[in-house]
Amino acid sequence: LLGALRGALGDRDLAAADALPAQPEGALLPEALRRELQALCV
């Protein structure tokens, strides 16, 4: 379990772009950065 938790906390996998909810109108985050911020380890 500890090994799995260590791995999860270091996980850098990104969500597919089409899996993210739509940004609110006027949002300023570039799409690539928004995807990066979805990883557990940013």
PDB file of all heavy atoms in Angstrom:
ATOM      1  N   LEU A   1       0.831  -1.192   0.000  1.00  0.00           N
ATOM      2  CA  LEU A   1       0.000   0.000   0.000  1.00  0.00           C
ATOM      3  C   LEU A   1       0.874   1.254   0.000  1.00  0.00           C
ATOM      4  O   LEU A   1       0.625   2.195  -0.755  1.00  0.00           O
ATOM      5  CB  LEU A   1      -0.942   0.011   1.202  1.00  0.00           C
ATOM      6  CG  LEU A   1      -1.803   1.262   1.361  1.00  0.00           C
ATOM      7  CD1 LEU A   1      -2.646   1.533   0.116  1.00  0.00           C
ATOM      8  CD2 LEU A   1      -2.671   1.146   2.598  1.00  0.00           C
ATOM      9  N   LEU A   2       1.928   1.269   0.816  1.00  0.00           N
ATOM     10  CA  LEU A   2       2.831   2.423   0.840  1.00  0.00           C
ATOM     11  C   LEU A   2       3.467   2.642  -0.529  1.00  0.00           C
ATOM     12  O   LEU A   2       3.579   3.776  -0.997  1.00  0.00           O
ATOM     13  CB  LEU A   2       3.912   2.248   1.903  1.00  0.00           C
ATOM     14  CG  LEU A   2       3.458   2.473   3.337  1.00  0.00           C
ATOM     15  CD1 LEU A   2       4.529   2.001   4.316  1.00  0.00           C
ATOM     16  CD2 LEU A   2       3.114   3.927   3.581  1.00  0.00           C
ATOM     17  N   GLY A   3       3.878   1.576  -1.185  1.00  0.00           N
ATOM     18  CA  GLY A   3       4.456   1.704  -2.524  1.00  0.00           C
ATOM     19  C   GLY A   3       3.458   2.285  -3.508  1.00  0.00           C
ATOM     20  O   GLY A   3       3.809   3.140  -4.332  1.00  0.00           O
ATOM     21  N   ALA A   4       2.216   1.841  -3.423  1.00  0.00           N
ATOM     22  CA  ALA A   4       1.176   2.366  -4.312  1.00  0.00           C
ATOM     23  C   ALA A   4       0.921   3.847  -4.028  1.00  0.00           C
ATOM     24  O   ALA A   4       0.744   4.647  -4.953  1.00  0.00           O
ATOM     25  CB  ALA A   4      -0.109   1.561  -4.153  1.00  0.00           C
ATOM     26  N   LEU A   5       0.911   4.233  -2.753  1.00  0.00           N
ATOM     27  CA  LEU A   5       0.707   5.634  -2.399  1.00  0.00           C
ATOM     28  C   LEU A   5       1.861   6.498  -2.885  1.00  0.00           C
ATOM     29  O   LEU A   5       1.652   7.599  -3.407  1.00  0.00           O
ATOM     30  CB  LEU A   5       0.524   5.781  -0.889  1.00  0.00           C
ATOM     31  CG  LEU A   5      -0.781   5.231  -0.330  1.00  0.00           C
ATOM     32  CD1 LEU A   5      -0.735   5.189   1.199  1.00  0.00           C
ATOM     33  CD2 LEU A   5      -1.959   6.045  -0.810  1.00  0.00           C
ATOM     34  N   ARG A   6       3.092   6.020  -2.719  1.00  0.00           N
ATOM     35  CA  ARG A   6       4.252   6.767  -3.228  1.00  0.00           C
ATOM     36  C   ARG A   6       4.127   6.982  -4.732  1.00  0.00           C
ATOM     37  O   ARG A   6       4.375   8.078  -5.241  1.00  0.00           O
ATOM     38  CB  ARG A   6       5.537   6.014  -2.912  1.00  0.00           C
ATOM     39  CG  ARG A   6       5.903   5.972  -1.454  1.00  0.00           C
ATOM     40  CD  ARG A   6       7.208   5.186  -1.246  1.00  0.00           C
ATOM     41  NE  ARG A   6       7.310   4.723   0.109  1.00  0.00           N
ATOM     42  CZ  ARG A   6       7.328   3.438   0.485  1.00  0.00           C
ATOM     43  NH1 ARG A   6       7.280   2.470  -0.418  1.00  0.00           N
ATOM     44  NH2 ARG A   6       7.414   3.124   1.754  1.00  0.00           N
ATOM     45  N   GLY A   7       3.763   5.928  -5.437  1.00  0.00           N
ATOM     46  CA  GLY A   7       3.608   6.027  -6.887  1.00  0.00           C
ATOM     47  C   GLY A   7       2.497   6.985  -7.279  1.00  0.00           C
ATOM     48  O   GLY A   7       2.646   7.780  -8.205  1.00  0.00           O
ATOM     49  N   ALA A   8       1.378   6.926  -6.575  1.00  0.00           N
ATOM     50  CA  ALA A   8       0.251   7.809  -6.892  1.00  0.00           C
ATOM     51  C   ALA A   8       0.619   9.269  -6.665  1.00  0.00           C
ATOM     52  O   ALA A   8       0.290  10.137  -7.484  1.00  0.00           O
ATOM     53  CB  ALA A   8      -0.966   7.427  -6.045  1.00  0.00           C
ATOM     54  N   LEU A   9       1.310   9.562  -5.566  1.00  0.00           N
ATOM     55  CA  LEU A   9       1.666  10.949  -5.276  1.00  0.00           C
ATOM     56  C   LEU A   9       2.677  11.501  -6.279  1.00  0.00           C
ATOM     57  O   LEU A   9       2.767  12.713  -6.466  1.00  0.00           O
ATOM     58  CB  LEU A   9       2.193  11.078  -3.850  1.00  0.00           C
ATOM     59  CG  LEU A   9       1.123  10.898  -2.780  1.00  0.00           C
ATOM     60  CD1 LEU A   9       1.751  10.775  -1.403  1.00  0.00           C
ATOM     61  CD2 LEU A   9       0.130  12.049  -2.813  1.00  0.00           C
ATOM     62  N   GLY A  10       3.426  10.640  -6.937  1.00  0.00           N
ATOM     63  CA  GLY A  10       4.373  11.074  -7.957  1.00  0.00           C
ATOM     64  C   GLY A  10       3.844  10.936  -9.369  1.00  0.00           C
ATOM     65  O   GLY A  10       4.577  11.156 -10.335  1.00  0.00           O
ATOM     66  N   ASP A  11       2.570  10.602  -9.512  1.00  0.00           N
ATOM     67  CA  ASP A  11       1.992  10.369 -10.835  1.00  0.00           C
ATOM     68  C   ASP A  11       1.869  11.668 -11.630  1.00  0.00           C
ATOM     69  O   ASP A  11       1.314  12.642 -11.160  1.00  0.00           O
ATOM     70  CB  ASP A  11       0.609   9.722 -10.691  1.00  0.00           C
ATOM     71  CG  ASP A  11       0.035   9.341 -12.038  1.00  0.00           C
ATOM     72  OD1 ASP A  11       0.537   8.381 -12.633  1.00  0.00           O
ATOM     73  OD2 ASP A  11      -0.909  10.025 -12.483  1.00  0.00           O
ATOM     74  N   ARG A  12       2.410  11.663 -12.852  1.00  0.00           N
ATOM     75  CA  ARG A  12       2.378  12.847 -13.707  1.00  0.00           C
ATOM     76  C   ARG A  12       1.501  12.654 -14.940  1.00  0.00           C
ATOM     77  O   ARG A  12       1.516  13.465 -15.852  1.00  0.00           O
ATOM     78  CB  ARG A  12       3.794  13.209 -14.144  1.00  0.00           C
ATOM     79  CG  ARG A  12       4.678  13.526 -12.964  1.00  0.00           C
ATOM     80  CD  ARG A  12       5.661  14.631 -13.100  1.00  0.00           C
ATOM     81  NE  ARG A  12       5.959  15.136 -14.398  1.00  0.00           N
ATOM     82  CZ  ARG A  12       5.378  16.193 -14.966  1.00  0.00           C
ATOM     83  NH1 ARG A  12       4.428  16.842 -14.355  1.00  0.00           N
ATOM     84  NH2 ARG A  12       5.742  16.599 -16.159  1.00  0.00           N
ATOM     85  N   ASP A  13       0.745  11.574 -14.979  1.00  0.00           N
ATOM     86  CA  ASP A  13      -0.136  11.339 -16.127  1.00  0.00           C
ATOM     87  C   ASP A  13      -1.132  12.483 -16.276  1.00  0.00           C
ATOM     88  O   ASP A  13      -1.658  12.995 -15.285  1.00  0.00           O
ATOM     89  CB  ASP A  13      -0.894  10.022 -15.976  1.00  0.00           C
ATOM     90  CG  ASP A  13      -0.001   8.814 -16.198  1.00  0.00           C
ATOM     91  OD1 ASP A  13       1.129   8.987 -16.706  1.00  0.00           O
ATOM     92  OD2 ASP A  13      -0.432   7.708 -15.847  1.00  0.00           O
ATOM     93  N   LEU A  14      -1.372  12.857 -17.520  1.00  0.00           N
ATOM     94  CA  LEU A  14      -2.292  13.954 -17.812  1.00  0.00           C
ATOM     95  C   LEU A  14      -3.612  13.404 -18.328  1.00  0.00           C
ATOM     96  O   LEU A  14      -3.640  12.417 -19.053  1.00  0.00           O
ATOM     97  CB  LEU A  14      -1.696  14.883 -18.871  1.00  0.00           C
ATOM     98  CG  LEU A  14      -0.333  15.488 -18.542  1.00  0.00           C
ATOM     99  CD1 LEU A  14       0.144  16.358 -19.686  1.00  0.00           C
ATOM    100  CD2 LEU A  14      -0.389  16.280 -17.253  1.00  0.00           C
ATOM    101  N   ALA A  15      -4.679  14.063 -17.966  1.00  0.00           N
ATOM    102  CA  ALA A  15      -6.004  13.703 -18.482  1.00  0.00           C
ATOM    103  C   ALA A  15      -6.060  14.038 -19.963  1.00  0.00           C
ATOM    104  O   ALA A  15      -5.390  14.966 -20.431  1.00  0.00           O
ATOM    105  CB  ALA A  15      -7.079  14.484 -17.731  1.00  0.00           C
ATOM    106  N   ALA A  16      -6.845  13.300 -20.681  1.00  0.00           N
ATOM    107  CA  ALA A  16      -7.061  13.628 -22.096  1.00  0.00           C
ATOM    108  C   ALA A  16      -7.740  14.994 -22.168  1.00  0.00           C
ATOM    109  O   ALA A  16      -8.569  15.336 -21.320  1.00  0.00           O
ATOM    110  CB  ALA A  16      -7.948  12.569 -22.741  1.00  0.00           C
ATOM    111  N   ALA A  17      -7.359  15.776 -23.153  1.00  0.00           N
ATOM    112  CA  ALA A  17      -7.909  17.131 -23.286  1.00  0.00           C
ATOM    113  C   ALA A  17      -9.431  17.123 -23.333  1.00  0.00           C
ATOM    114  O   ALA A  17     -10.080  17.994 -22.747  1.00  0.00           O
ATOM    115  CB  ALA A  17      -7.333  17.806 -24.527  1.00  0.00           C
ATOM    116  N   ASP A  18     -10.010  16.130 -23.985  1.00  0.00           N
ATOM    117  CA  ASP A  18     -11.469  16.090 -24.090  1.00  0.00           C
ATOM    118  C   ASP A  18     -12.153  15.580 -22.817  1.00  0.00           C
ATOM    119  O   ASP A  18     -13.367  15.585 -22.708  1.00  0.00           O
ATOM    120  CB  ASP A  18     -11.909  15.273 -25.304  1.00  0.00           C
ATOM    121  CG  ASP A  18     -11.467  13.820 -25.239  1.00  0.00           C
ATOM    122  OD1 ASP A  18     -10.720  13.448 -24.311  1.00  0.00           O
ATOM    123  OD2 ASP A  18     -11.865  13.057 -26.128  1.00  0.00           O
ATOM    124  N   ALA A  19     -11.363  15.156 -21.814  1.00  0.00           N
ATOM    125  CA  ALA A  19     -11.935  14.687 -20.545  1.00  0.00           C
ATOM    126  C   ALA A  19     -12.105  15.827 -19.542  1.00  0.00           C
ATOM    127  O   ALA A  19     -12.767  15.657 -18.526  1.00  0.00           O
ATOM    128  CB  ALA A  19     -11.055  13.597 -19.950  1.00  0.00           C
ATOM    129  N   LEU A  20     -11.508  16.974 -19.818  1.00  0.00           N
ATOM    130  CA  LEU A  20     -11.609  18.104 -18.901  1.00  0.00           C
ATOM    131  C   LEU A  20     -12.907  18.866 -19.128  1.00  0.00           C
ATOM    132  O   LEU A  20     -13.353  19.005 -20.262  1.00  0.00           O
ATOM    133  CB  LEU A  20     -10.429  19.060 -19.108  1.00  0.00           C
ATOM    134  CG  LEU A  20      -9.038  18.490 -18.854  1.00  0.00           C
ATOM    135  CD1 LEU A  20      -7.987  19.543 -19.159  1.00  0.00           C
ATOM    136  CD2 LEU A  20      -8.908  17.986 -17.445  1.00  0.00           C
ATOM    137  N   PRO A  21     -13.493  19.371 -18.059  1.00  0.00           N
ATOM    138  CA  PRO A  21     -14.698  20.186 -18.247  1.00  0.00           C
ATOM    139  C   PRO A  21     -14.346  21.469 -18.996  1.00  0.00           C
ATOM    140  O   PRO A  21     -13.204  21.927 -18.962  1.00  0.00           O
ATOM    141  CB  PRO A  21     -15.166  20.477 -16.822  1.00  0.00           C
ATOM    142  CG  PRO A  21     -13.990  20.225 -15.954  1.00  0.00           C
ATOM    143  CD  PRO A  21     -13.111  19.244 -16.664  1.00  0.00           C
ATOM    144  N   ALA A  22     -15.323  22.054 -19.630  1.00  0.00           N
ATOM    145  CA  ALA A  22     -15.100  23.297 -20.366  1.00  0.00           C
ATOM    146  C   ALA A  22     -14.687  24.398 -19.389  1.00  0.00           C
ATOM    147  O   ALA A  22     -15.154  24.450 -18.251  1.00  0.00           O
ATOM    148  CB  ALA A  22     -16.371  23.701 -21.102  1.00  0.00           C
ATOM    149  N   GLN A  23     -13.801  25.267 -19.861  1.00  0.00           N
ATOM    150  CA  GLN A  23     -13.403  26.405 -19.042  1.00  0.00           C
ATOM    151  C   GLN A  23     -14.523  27.442 -19.027  1.00  0.00           C
ATOM    152  O   GLN A  23     -15.247  27.591 -20.006  1.00  0.00           O
ATOM    153  CB  GLN A  23     -12.149  27.070 -19.612  1.00  0.00           C
ATOM    154  CG  GLN A  23     -10.895  26.258 -19.433  1.00  0.00           C
ATOM    155  CD  GLN A  23      -9.662  27.115 -19.625  1.00  0.00           C
ATOM    156  OE1 GLN A  23      -9.405  27.988 -18.814  1.00  0.00           O
ATOM    157  NE2 GLN A  23      -8.917  26.856 -20.685  1.00  0.00           N
ATOM    158  N   PRO A  24     -14.640  28.183 -17.933  1.00  0.00           N
ATOM    159  CA  PRO A  24     -15.633  29.254 -17.914  1.00  0.00           C
ATOM    160  C   PRO A  24     -15.264  30.340 -18.932  1.00  0.00           C
ATOM    161  O   PRO A  24     -14.086  30.522 -19.246  1.00  0.00           O
ATOM    162  CB  PRO A  24     -15.571  29.797 -16.491  1.00  0.00           C
ATOM    163  CG  PRO A  24     -14.476  29.091 -15.796  1.00  0.00           C
ATOM    164  CD  PRO A  24     -13.919  28.052 -16.694  1.00  0.00           C
ATOM    165  N   GLU A  25     -16.238  31.035 -19.404  1.00  0.00           N
ATOM    166  CA  GLU A  25     -15.992  32.106 -20.355  1.00  0.00           C
ATOM    167  C   GLU A  25     -15.046  33.133 -19.732  1.00  0.00           C
ATOM    168  O   GLU A  25     -15.180  33.488 -18.567  1.00  0.00           O
ATOM    169  CB  GLU A  25     -17.311  32.784 -20.732  1.00  0.00           C
ATOM    170  CG  GLU A  25     -17.158  33.752 -21.881  1.00  0.00           C
ATOM    171  CD  GLU A  25     -18.497  34.268 -22.362  1.00  0.00           C
ATOM    172  OE1 GLU A  25     -19.469  33.497 -22.346  1.00  0.00           O
ATOM    173  OE2 GLU A  25     -18.547  35.436 -22.737  1.00  0.00           O
ATOM    174  N   GLY A  26     -14.062  33.554 -20.500  1.00  0.00           N
ATOM    175  CA  GLY A  26     -13.093  34.538 -20.030  1.00  0.00           C
ATOM    176  C   GLY A  26     -11.925  33.941 -19.258  1.00  0.00           C
ATOM    177  O   GLY A  26     -11.078  34.676 -18.762  1.00  0.00           O
ATOM    178  N   ALA A  27     -11.856  32.615 -19.115  1.00  0.00           N
ATOM    179  CA  ALA A  27     -10.747  31.980 -18.399  1.00  0.00           C
ATOM    180  C   ALA A  27      -9.428  32.291 -19.105  1.00  0.00           C
ATOM    181  O   ALA A  27      -9.374  32.360 -20.329  1.00  0.00           O
ATOM    182  CB  ALA A  27     -10.966  30.472 -18.325  1.00  0.00           C
ATOM    183  N   LEU A  28      -8.384  32.471 -18.323  1.00  0.00           N
ATOM    184  CA  LEU A  28      -7.104  32.894 -18.883  1.00  0.00           C
ATOM    185  C   LEU A  28      -6.063  31.782 -18.979  1.00  0.00           C
ATOM    186  O   LEU A  28      -4.986  32.007 -19.506  1.00  0.00           O
ATOM    187  CB  LEU A  28      -6.542  34.050 -18.042  1.00  0.00           C
ATOM    188  CG  LEU A  28      -7.433  35.292 -17.960  1.00  0.00           C
ATOM    189  CD1 LEU A  28      -6.817  36.310 -17.013  1.00  0.00           C
ATOM    190  CD2 LEU A  28      -7.647  35.887 -19.339  1.00  0.00           C
ATOM    191  N   LEU A  29      -6.354  30.615 -18.453  1.00  0.00           N
ATOM    192  CA  LEU A  29      -5.364  29.537 -18.482  1.00  0.00           C
ATOM    193  C   LEU A  29      -5.237  28.946 -19.882  1.00  0.00           C
ATOM    194  O   LEU A  29      -6.243  28.526 -20.468  1.00  0.00           O
ATOM    195  CB  LEU A  29      -5.754  28.403 -17.533  1.00  0.00           C
ATOM    196  CG  LEU A  29      -5.473  28.585 -16.063  1.00  0.00           C
ATOM    197  CD1 LEU A  29      -5.966  27.366 -15.291  1.00  0.00           C
ATOM    198  CD2 LEU A  29      -4.014  28.814 -15.791  1.00  0.00           C
ATOM    199  N   PRO A  30      -4.013  28.871 -20.413  1.00  0.00           N
ATOM    200  CA  PRO A  30      -3.835  28.170 -21.683  1.00  0.00           C
ATOM    201  C   PRO A  30      -4.212  26.696 -21.503  1.00  0.00           C
ATOM    202  O   PRO A  30      -4.017  26.117 -20.426  1.00  0.00           O
ATOM    203  CB  PRO A  30      -2.341  28.319 -21.972  1.00  0.00           C
ATOM    204  CG  PRO A  30      -1.864  29.418 -21.095  1.00  0.00           C
ATOM    205  CD  PRO A  30      -2.781  29.459 -19.911  1.00  0.00           C
ATOM    206  N   GLU A  31      -4.734  26.099 -22.533  1.00  0.00           N
ATOM    207  CA  GLU A  31      -5.223  24.716 -22.449  1.00  0.00           C
ATOM    208  C   GLU A  31      -4.122  23.746 -22.021  1.00  0.00           C
ATOM    209  O   GLU A  31      -4.354  22.842 -21.220  1.00  0.00           O
ATOM    210  CB  GLU A  31      -5.820  24.315 -23.803  1.00  0.00           C
ATOM    211  CG  GLU A  31      -6.833  23.207 -23.718  1.00  0.00           C
ATOM    212  CD  GLU A  31      -7.993  23.464 -22.760  1.00  0.00           C
ATOM    213  OE1 GLU A  31      -8.465  24.597 -22.614  1.00  0.00           O
ATOM    214  OE2 GLU A  31      -8.445  22.487 -22.153  1.00  0.00           O
ATOM    215  N   ALA A  32      -2.894  23.919 -22.512  1.00  0.00           N
ATOM    216  CA  ALA A  32      -1.803  23.012 -22.148  1.00  0.00           C
ATOM    217  C   ALA A  32      -1.494  23.099 -20.651  1.00  0.00           C
ATOM    218  O   ALA A  32      -1.265  22.080 -19.994  1.00  0.00           O
ATOM    219  CB  ALA A  32      -0.559  23.325 -22.969  1.00  0.00           C
ATOM    220  N   LEU A  33      -1.490  24.299 -20.099  1.00  0.00           N
ATOM    221  CA  LEU A  33      -1.236  24.461 -18.670  1.00  0.00           C
ATOM    222  C   LEU A  33      -2.386  23.880 -17.856  1.00  0.00           C
ATOM    223  O   LEU A  33      -2.175  23.218 -16.842  1.00  0.00           O
ATOM    224  CB  LEU A  33      -1.048  25.944 -18.323  1.00  0.00           C
ATOM    225  CG  LEU A  33      -0.869  26.256 -16.837  1.00  0.00           C
ATOM    226  CD1 LEU A  33       0.333  25.514 -16.265  1.00  0.00           C
ATOM    227  CD2 LEU A  33      -0.748  27.748 -16.617  1.00  0.00           C
ATOM    228  N   ARG A  34      -3.591  24.094 -18.299  1.00  0.00           N
ATOM    229  CA  ARG A  34      -4.756  23.544 -17.604  1.00  0.00           C
ATOM    230  C   ARG A  34      -4.672  22.028 -17.521  1.00  0.00           C
ATOM    231  O   ARG A  34      -4.971  21.426 -16.486  1.00  0.00           O
ATOM    232  CB  ARG A  34      -6.032  23.970 -18.326  1.00  0.00           C
ATOM    233  CG  ARG A  34      -7.286  23.725 -17.533  1.00  0.00           C
ATOM    234  CD  ARG A  34      -8.448  24.458 -18.143  1.00  0.00           C
ATOM    235  NE  ARG A  34      -9.052  23.715 -19.220  1.00  0.00           N
ATOM    236  CZ  ARG A  34     -10.176  23.015 -19.087  1.00  0.00           C
ATOM    237  NH1 ARG A  34     -10.793  22.964 -17.939  1.00  0.00           N
ATOM    238  NH2 ARG A  34     -10.683  22.378 -20.105  1.00  0.00           N
ATOM    239  N   ARG A  35      -4.206  21.388 -18.583  1.00  0.00           N
ATOM    240  CA  ARG A  35      -4.021  19.927 -18.560  1.00  0.00           C
ATOM    241  C   ARG A  35      -2.945  19.542 -17.571  1.00  0.00           C
ATOM    242  O   ARG A  35      -3.087  18.582 -16.806  1.00  0.00           O
ATOM    243  CB  ARG A  35      -3.637  19.419 -19.949  1.00  0.00           C
ATOM    244  CG  ARG A  35      -4.804  18.951 -20.749  1.00  0.00           C
ATOM    245  CD  ARG A  35      -4.402  18.268 -22.029  1.00  0.00           C
ATOM    246  NE  ARG A  35      -4.154  16.867 -21.785  1.00  0.00           N
ATOM    247  CZ  ARG A  35      -3.202  16.164 -22.390  1.00  0.00           C
ATOM    248  NH1 ARG A  35      -2.414  16.709 -23.258  1.00  0.00           N
ATOM    249  NH2 ARG A  35      -3.059  14.890 -22.124  1.00  0.00           N
ATOM    250  N   GLU A  36      -1.823  20.267 -17.563  1.00  0.00           N
ATOM    251  CA  GLU A  36      -0.722  19.974 -16.630  1.00  0.00           C
ATOM    252  C   GLU A  36      -1.189  20.046 -15.174  1.00  0.00           C
ATOM    253  O   GLU A  36      -0.754  19.269 -14.336  1.00  0.00           O
ATOM    254  CB  GLU A  36       0.433  20.962 -16.827  1.00  0.00           C
ATOM    255  CG  GLU A  36       1.251  20.715 -18.059  1.00  0.00           C
ATOM    256  CD  GLU A  36       2.189  19.536 -17.932  1.00  0.00           C
ATOM    257  OE1 GLU A  36       2.529  19.102 -16.805  1.00  0.00           O
ATOM    258  OE2 GLU A  36       2.590  19.028 -18.995  1.00  0.00           O
ATOM    259  N   LEU A  37      -2.060  20.973 -14.876  1.00  0.00           N
ATOM    260  CA  LEU A  37      -2.528  21.171 -13.496  1.00  0.00           C
ATOM    261  C   LEU A  37      -3.455  20.061 -13.022  1.00  0.00           C
ATOM    262  O   LEU A  37      -3.789  20.003 -11.835  1.00  0.00           O
ATOM    263  CB  LEU A  37      -3.214  22.528 -13.366  1.00  0.00           C
ATOM    264  CG  LEU A  37      -2.302  23.746 -13.593  1.00  0.00           C
ATOM    265  CD1 LEU A  37      -3.112  25.023 -13.522  1.00  0.00           C
ATOM    266  CD2 LEU A  37      -1.148  23.769 -12.618  1.00  0.00           C
ATOM    267  N   GLN A  38      -3.865  19.170 -13.913  1.00  0.00           N
ATOM    268  CA  GLN A  38      -4.736  18.052 -13.543  1.00  0.00           C
ATOM    269  C   GLN A  38      -3.954  16.858 -13.007  1.00  0.00           C
ATOM    270  O   GLN A  38      -4.529  15.942 -12.428  1.00  0.00           O
ATOM    271  CB  GLN A  38      -5.594  17.612 -14.733  1.00  0.00           C
ATOM    272  CG  GLN A  38      -6.485  18.694 -15.290  1.00  0.00           C
ATOM    273  CD  GLN A  38      -7.418  19.276 -14.255  1.00  0.00           C
ATOM    274  OE1 GLN A  38      -8.119  18.563 -13.561  1.00  0.00           O
ATOM    275  NE2 GLN A  38      -7.426  20.585 -14.142  1.00  0.00           N
ATOM    276  N   ALA A  39      -2.649  16.826 -13.201  1.00  0.00           N
ATOM    277  CA  ALA A  39      -1.828  15.709 -12.712  1.00  0.00           C
ATOM    278  C   ALA A  39      -1.772  15.743 -11.180  1.00  0.00           C
ATOM    279  O   ALA A  39      -1.900  16.806 -10.563  1.00  0.00           O
ATOM    280  CB  ALA A  39      -0.419  15.796 -13.293  1.00  0.00           C
ATOM    281  N   LEU A  40      -1.572  14.597 -10.559  1.00  0.00           N
ATOM    282  CA  LEU A  40      -1.391  14.581  -9.106  1.00  0.00           C
ATOM    283  C   LEU A  40      -0.081  15.250  -8.727  1.00  0.00           C
ATOM    284  O   LEU A  40       0.002  15.962  -7.735  1.00  0.00           O
ATOM    285  CB  LEU A  40      -1.420  13.148  -8.576  1.00  0.00           C
ATOM    286  CG  LEU A  40      -2.800  12.512  -8.563  1.00  0.00           C
ATOM    287  CD1 LEU A  40      -2.715  11.049  -8.169  1.00  0.00           C
ATOM    288  CD2 LEU A  40      -3.720  13.247  -7.622  1.00  0.00           C
ATOM    289  N   CYS A  41       0.964  15.001  -9.504  1.00  0.00           N
ATOM    290  CA  CYS A  41       2.256  15.647  -9.286  1.00  0.00           C
ATOM    291  C   CYS A  41       2.453  16.645 -10.424  1.00  0.00           C
ATOM    292  O   CYS A  41       2.664  16.259 -11.567  1.00  0.00           O
ATOM    293  CB  CYS A  41       3.373  14.610  -9.267  1.00  0.00           C
ATOM    294  SG  CYS A  41       5.001  15.311  -8.922  1.00  0.00           S
ATOM    295  N   VAL A  42       2.358  17.916 -10.103  1.00  0.00           N
ATOM    296  CA  VAL A  42       2.404  18.977 -11.109  1.00  0.00           C
ATOM    297  C   VAL A  42       3.834  19.465 -11.290  1.00  0.00           C
ATOM    298  O   VAL A  42       4.542  19.727 -10.310  1.00  0.00           O
ATOM    299  CB  VAL A  42       1.495  20.160 -10.680  1.00  0.00           C
ATOM    300  CG1 VAL A  42       1.602  21.317 -11.656  1.00  0.00           C
ATOM    301  CG2 VAL A  42       0.054  19.694 -10.535  1.00  0.00           C
TER     302      VAL A  42
END
